[in-house]
Amino acid sequence: MADQQGRELVEVAKEAGAELVCENSLKAALDRDWDQQIEKDEALTLILNVLRAVET
């Protein structure tokens, strides 16, 4: 999307509230205890919310 608009990814991500996608590692950026199912579920919810924000 950023390429299509001729803009930087970071700029578009910040505007959409999706800075999370700019990190080198999504898993590290989420900073969760991946052995805990509840934390995995929370991370998935956060990722889906970010995707919805970008889609909007």
PDB file of N, CA and C in Angstrom:
ATOM      1  N   MET A   1       0.826  -1.175   0.000  1.00  0.00           N
ATOM      2  CA  MET A   1       0.000   0.000   0.000  1.00  0.00           C
ATOM      3  C   MET A   1       0.878   1.250   0.000  1.00  0.00           C
ATOM      4  N   ALA A   2       1.925   1.226   0.815  1.00  0.00           N
ATOM      5  CA  ALA A   2       2.824   2.383   0.867  1.00  0.00           C
ATOM      6  C   ALA A   2       3.457   2.623  -0.498  1.00  0.00           C
ATOM      7  N   ASP A   3       3.891   1.558  -1.158  1.00  0.00           N
ATOM      8  CA  ASP A   3       4.493   1.688  -2.484  1.00  0.00           C
ATOM      9  C   ASP A   3       3.511   2.290  -3.478  1.00  0.00           C
ATOM     10  N   GLN A   4       2.272   1.846  -3.424  1.00  0.00           N
ATOM     11  CA  GLN A   4       1.261   2.353  -4.342  1.00  0.00           C
ATOM     12  C   GLN A   4       1.044   3.850  -4.163  1.00  0.00           C
ATOM     13  N   GLN A   5       1.207   4.304  -2.927  1.00  0.00           N
ATOM     14  CA  GLN A   5       0.993   5.723  -2.630  1.00  0.00           C
ATOM     15  C   GLN A   5       2.280   6.533  -2.738  1.00  0.00           C
ATOM     16  N   GLY A   6       3.396   5.857  -3.009  1.00  0.00           N
ATOM     17  CA  GLY A   6       4.676   6.551  -3.110  1.00  0.00           C
ATOM     18  C   GLY A   6       5.143   7.096  -1.771  1.00  0.00           C
ATOM     19  N   ARG A   7       4.810   6.376  -0.700  1.00  0.00           N
ATOM     20  CA  ARG A   7       5.155   6.815   0.651  1.00  0.00           C
ATOM     21  C   ARG A   7       5.965   5.734   1.348  1.00  0.00           C
ATOM     22  N   GLU A   8       6.548   6.095   2.477  1.00  0.00           N
ATOM     23  CA  GLU A   8       7.307   5.144   3.284  1.00  0.00           C
ATOM     24  C   GLU A   8       6.353   4.288   4.110  1.00  0.00           C
ATOM     25  N   LEU A   9       6.742   3.025   4.312  1.00  0.00           N
ATOM     26  CA  LEU A   9       5.931   2.099   5.097  1.00  0.00           C
ATOM     27  C   LEU A   9       5.668   2.637   6.500  1.00  0.00           C
ATOM     28  N   VAL A  10       6.682   3.168   7.143  1.00  0.00           N
ATOM     29  CA  VAL A  10       6.531   3.677   8.510  1.00  0.00           C
ATOM     30  C   VAL A  10       5.481   4.781   8.570  1.00  0.00           C
ATOM     31  N   GLU A  11       5.500   5.656   7.599  1.00  0.00           N
ATOM     32  CA  GLU A  11       4.543   6.764   7.562  1.00  0.00           C
ATOM     33  C   GLU A  11       3.109   6.247   7.437  1.00  0.00           C
ATOM     34  N   VAL A  12       2.891   5.322   6.526  1.00  0.00           N
ATOM     35  CA  VAL A  12       1.552   4.772   6.317  1.00  0.00           C
ATOM     36  C   VAL A  12       1.108   3.964   7.531  1.00  0.00           C
ATOM     37  N   ALA A  13       2.019   3.195   8.096  1.00  0.00           N
ATOM     38  CA  ALA A  13       1.698   2.373   9.264  1.00  0.00           C
ATOM     39  C   ALA A  13       1.306   3.246  10.455  1.00  0.00           C
ATOM     40  N   LYS A  14       2.046   4.307  10.695  1.00  0.00           N
ATOM     41  CA  LYS A  14       1.721   5.201  11.809  1.00  0.00           C
ATOM     42  C   LYS A  14       0.357   5.847  11.599  1.00  0.00           C
ATOM     43  N   GLU A  15       0.100   6.263  10.395  1.00  0.00           N
ATOM     44  CA  GLU A  15      -1.180   6.895  10.088  1.00  0.00           C
ATOM     45  C   GLU A  15      -2.346   5.933  10.333  1.00  0.00           C
ATOM     46  N   ALA A  16      -2.120   4.654  10.081  1.00  0.00           N
ATOM     47  CA  ALA A  16      -3.170   3.644  10.247  1.00  0.00           C
ATOM     48  C   ALA A  16      -3.199   3.060  11.657  1.00  0.00           C
ATOM     49  N   GLY A  17      -2.267   3.477  12.510  1.00  0.00           N
ATOM     50  CA  GLY A  17      -2.199   2.905  13.851  1.00  0.00           C
ATOM     51  C   GLY A  17      -1.654   1.485  13.836  1.00  0.00           C
ATOM     52  N   ALA A  18      -0.781   1.213  12.886  1.00  0.00           N
ATOM     53  CA  ALA A  18      -0.268  -0.141  12.690  1.00  0.00           C
ATOM     54  C   ALA A  18       1.258  -0.192  12.752  1.00  0.00           C
ATOM     55  N   GLU A  19       1.852   0.575  13.649  1.00  0.00           N
ATOM     56  CA  GLU A  19       3.306   0.631  13.750  1.00  0.00           C
ATOM     57  C   GLU A  19       3.923  -0.744  13.992  1.00  0.00           C
ATOM     58  N   LEU A  20       3.132  -1.629  14.552  1.00  0.00           N
ATOM     59  CA  LEU A  20       3.575  -2.979  14.870  1.00  0.00           C
ATOM     60  C   LEU A  20       4.184  -3.677  13.655  1.00  0.00           C
ATOM     61  N   VAL A  21       3.659  -3.409  12.479  1.00  0.00           N
ATOM     62  CA  VAL A  21       4.138  -4.095  11.271  1.00  0.00           C
ATOM     63  C   VAL A  21       5.508  -3.597  10.825  1.00  0.00           C
ATOM     64  N   CYS A  22       5.985  -2.524  11.412  1.00  0.00           N
ATOM     65  CA  CYS A  22       7.283  -1.964  11.020  1.00  0.00           C
ATOM     66  C   CYS A  22       8.447  -2.549  11.814  1.00  0.00           C
ATOM     67  N   GLU A  23       8.155  -3.315  12.806  1.00  0.00           N
ATOM     68  CA  GLU A  23       9.203  -3.912  13.624  1.00  0.00           C
ATOM     69  C   GLU A  23       9.936  -4.999  12.841  1.00  0.00           C
ATOM     70  N   ASN A  24      11.189  -5.254  13.237  1.00  0.00           N
ATOM     71  CA  ASN A  24      11.969  -6.304  12.576  1.00  0.00           C
ATOM     72  C   ASN A  24      11.361  -7.679  12.815  1.00  0.00           C
ATOM     73  N   SER A  25      10.793  -7.878  13.988  1.00  0.00           N
ATOM     74  CA  SER A  25      10.193  -9.161  14.335  1.00  0.00           C
ATOM     75  C   SER A  25       8.840  -8.912  14.985  1.00  0.00           C
ATOM     76  N   LEU A  26       7.796  -9.362  14.333  1.00  0.00           N
ATOM     77  CA  LEU A  26       6.451  -9.196  14.886  1.00  0.00           C
ATOM     78  C   LEU A  26       6.328  -9.914  16.216  1.00  0.00           C
ATOM     79  N   LYS A  27       6.867 -11.101  16.270  1.00  0.00           N
ATOM     80  CA  LYS A  27       6.788 -11.893  17.497  1.00  0.00           C
ATOM     81  C   LYS A  27       7.491 -11.176  18.655  1.00  0.00           C
ATOM     82  N   ALA A  28       8.657 -10.637  18.408  1.00  0.00           N
ATOM     83  CA  ALA A  28       9.391  -9.905  19.451  1.00  0.00           C
ATOM     84  C   ALA A  28       8.660  -8.620  19.828  1.00  0.00           C
ATOM     85  N   ALA A  29       8.085  -7.944  18.846  1.00  0.00           N
ATOM     86  CA  ALA A  29       7.372  -6.692  19.103  1.00  0.00           C
ATOM     87  C   ALA A  29       6.155  -6.914  19.992  1.00  0.00           C
ATOM     88  N   LEU A  30       5.538  -8.079  19.849  1.00  0.00           N
ATOM     89  CA  LEU A  30       4.361  -8.383  20.657  1.00  0.00           C
ATOM     90  C   LEU A  30       4.720  -8.669  22.108  1.00  0.00           C
ATOM     91  N   ASP A  31       5.951  -9.091  22.359  1.00  0.00           N
ATOM     92  CA  ASP A  31       6.469  -9.294  23.716  1.00  0.00           C
ATOM     93  C   ASP A  31       5.494 -10.077  24.593  1.00  0.00           C
ATOM     94  N   ARG A  32       5.241 -11.313  24.206  1.00  0.00           N
ATOM     95  CA  ARG A  32       4.321 -12.185  24.933  1.00  0.00           C
ATOM     96  C   ARG A  32       5.044 -13.421  25.450  1.00  0.00           C
ATOM     97  N   ASP A  33       4.427 -14.072  26.414  1.00  0.00           N
ATOM     98  CA  ASP A  33       4.887 -15.383  26.872  1.00  0.00           C
ATOM     99  C   ASP A  33       4.200 -16.399  25.967  1.00  0.00           C
ATOM    100  N   TRP A  34       4.910 -16.866  24.966  1.00  0.00           N
ATOM    101  CA  TRP A  34       4.321 -17.703  23.925  1.00  0.00           C
ATOM    102  C   TRP A  34       3.968 -19.097  24.412  1.00  0.00           C
ATOM    103  N   ASP A  35       4.298 -19.429  25.644  1.00  0.00           N
ATOM    104  CA  ASP A  35       3.896 -20.713  26.218  1.00  0.00           C
ATOM    105  C   ASP A  35       2.491 -20.644  26.825  1.00  0.00           C
ATOM    106  N   GLN A  36       1.954 -19.438  26.953  1.00  0.00           N
ATOM    107  CA  GLN A  36       0.636 -19.227  27.558  1.00  0.00           C
ATOM    108  C   GLN A  36      -0.406 -18.993  26.457  1.00  0.00           C
ATOM    109  N   GLN A  37      -1.402 -19.852  26.396  1.00  0.00           N
ATOM    110  CA  GLN A  37      -2.414 -19.753  25.349  1.00  0.00           C
ATOM    111  C   GLN A  37      -3.143 -18.418  25.383  1.00  0.00           C
ATOM    112  N   ILE A  38      -3.449 -17.909  26.559  1.00  0.00           N
ATOM    113  CA  ILE A  38      -4.164 -16.630  26.663  1.00  0.00           C
ATOM    114  C   ILE A  38      -3.353 -15.498  26.032  1.00  0.00           C
ATOM    115  N   GLU A  39      -2.043 -15.541  26.199  1.00  0.00           N
ATOM    116  CA  GLU A  39      -1.192 -14.502  25.610  1.00  0.00           C
ATOM    117  C   GLU A  39      -1.109 -14.656  24.097  1.00  0.00           C
ATOM    118  N   LYS A  40      -1.121 -15.873  23.614  1.00  0.00           N
ATOM    119  CA  LYS A  40      -1.169 -16.104  22.165  1.00  0.00           C
ATOM    120  C   LYS A  40      -2.470 -15.549  21.596  1.00  0.00           C
ATOM    121  N   ASP A  41      -3.571 -15.817  22.296  1.00  0.00           N
ATOM    122  CA  ASP A  41      -4.877 -15.326  21.850  1.00  0.00           C
ATOM    123  C   ASP A  41      -4.917 -13.800  21.830  1.00  0.00           C
ATOM    124  N   GLU A  42      -4.352 -13.166  22.855  1.00  0.00           N
ATOM    125  CA  GLU A  42      -4.307 -11.705  22.911  1.00  0.00           C
ATOM    126  C   GLU A  42      -3.470 -11.148  21.761  1.00  0.00           C
ATOM    127  N   ALA A  43      -2.362 -11.804  21.470  1.00  0.00           N
ATOM    128  CA  ALA A  43      -1.504 -11.363  20.374  1.00  0.00           C
ATOM    129  C   ALA A  43      -2.246 -11.456  19.045  1.00  0.00           C
ATOM    130  N   LEU A  44      -2.957 -12.550  18.844  1.00  0.00           N
ATOM    131  CA  LEU A  44      -3.719 -12.717  17.608  1.00  0.00           C
ATOM    132  C   LEU A  44      -4.789 -11.640  17.485  1.00  0.00           C
ATOM    133  N   THR A  45      -5.463 -11.345  18.564  1.00  0.00           N
ATOM    134  CA  THR A  45      -6.479 -10.290  18.557  1.00  0.00           C
ATOM    135  C   THR A  45      -5.853  -8.949  18.185  1.00  0.00           C
ATOM    136  N   LEU A  46      -4.702  -8.653  18.757  1.00  0.00           N
ATOM    137  CA  LEU A  46      -4.008  -7.402  18.458  1.00  0.00           C
ATOM    138  C   LEU A  46      -3.633  -7.333  16.977  1.00  0.00           C
ATOM    139  N   ILE A  47      -3.104  -8.421  16.446  1.00  0.00           N
ATOM    140  CA  ILE A  47      -2.715  -8.458  15.029  1.00  0.00           C
ATOM    141  C   ILE A  47      -3.945  -8.249  14.137  1.00  0.00           C
ATOM    142  N   LEU A  48      -5.034  -8.911  14.461  1.00  0.00           N
ATOM    143  CA  LEU A  48      -6.258  -8.745  13.671  1.00  0.00           C
ATOM    144  C   LEU A  48      -6.780  -7.312  13.740  1.00  0.00           C
ATOM    145  N   ASN A  49      -6.680  -6.683  14.899  1.00  0.00           N
ATOM    146  CA  ASN A  49      -7.103  -5.286  15.031  1.00  0.00           C
ATOM    147  C   ASN A  49      -6.230  -4.367  14.188  1.00  0.00           C
ATOM    148  N   VAL A  50      -4.934  -4.644  14.148  1.00  0.00           N
ATOM    149  CA  VAL A  50      -4.016  -3.849  13.328  1.00  0.00           C
ATOM    150  C   VAL A  50      -4.370  -4.020  11.856  1.00  0.00           C
ATOM    151  N   LEU A  51      -4.631  -5.236  11.441  1.00  0.00           N
ATOM    152  CA  LEU A  51      -5.003  -5.484  10.045  1.00  0.00           C
ATOM    153  C   LEU A  51      -6.299  -4.773   9.678  1.00  0.00           C
ATOM    154  N   ARG A  52      -7.258  -4.783  10.598  1.00  0.00           N
ATOM    155  CA  ARG A  52      -8.518  -4.066  10.351  1.00  0.00           C
ATOM    156  C   ARG A  52      -8.278  -2.563  10.215  1.00  0.00           C
ATOM    157  N   ALA A  53      -7.396  -2.047  11.065  1.00  0.00           N
ATOM    158  CA  ALA A  53      -7.081  -0.614  11.005  1.00  0.00           C
ATOM    159  C   ALA A  53      -6.456  -0.255   9.660  1.00  0.00           C
ATOM    160  N   VAL A  54      -5.578  -1.102   9.181  1.00  0.00           N
ATOM    161  CA  VAL A  54      -4.937  -0.844   7.882  1.00  0.00           C
ATOM    162  C   VAL A  54      -5.959  -0.947   6.764  1.00  0.00           C
ATOM    163  N   GLU A  55      -6.827  -1.943   6.849  1.00  0.00           N
ATOM    164  CA  GLU A  55      -7.845  -2.122   5.824  1.00  0.00           C
ATOM    165  C   GLU A  55      -8.789  -0.924   5.749  1.00  0.00           C
ATOM    166  N   THR A  56      -9.100  -0.377   6.911  1.00  0.00           N
ATOM    167  CA  THR A  56     -10.007   0.783   6.966  1.00  0.00           C
ATOM    168  C   THR A  56      -9.344   1.994   6.364  1.00  0.00           C
TER     169      THR A  56
END
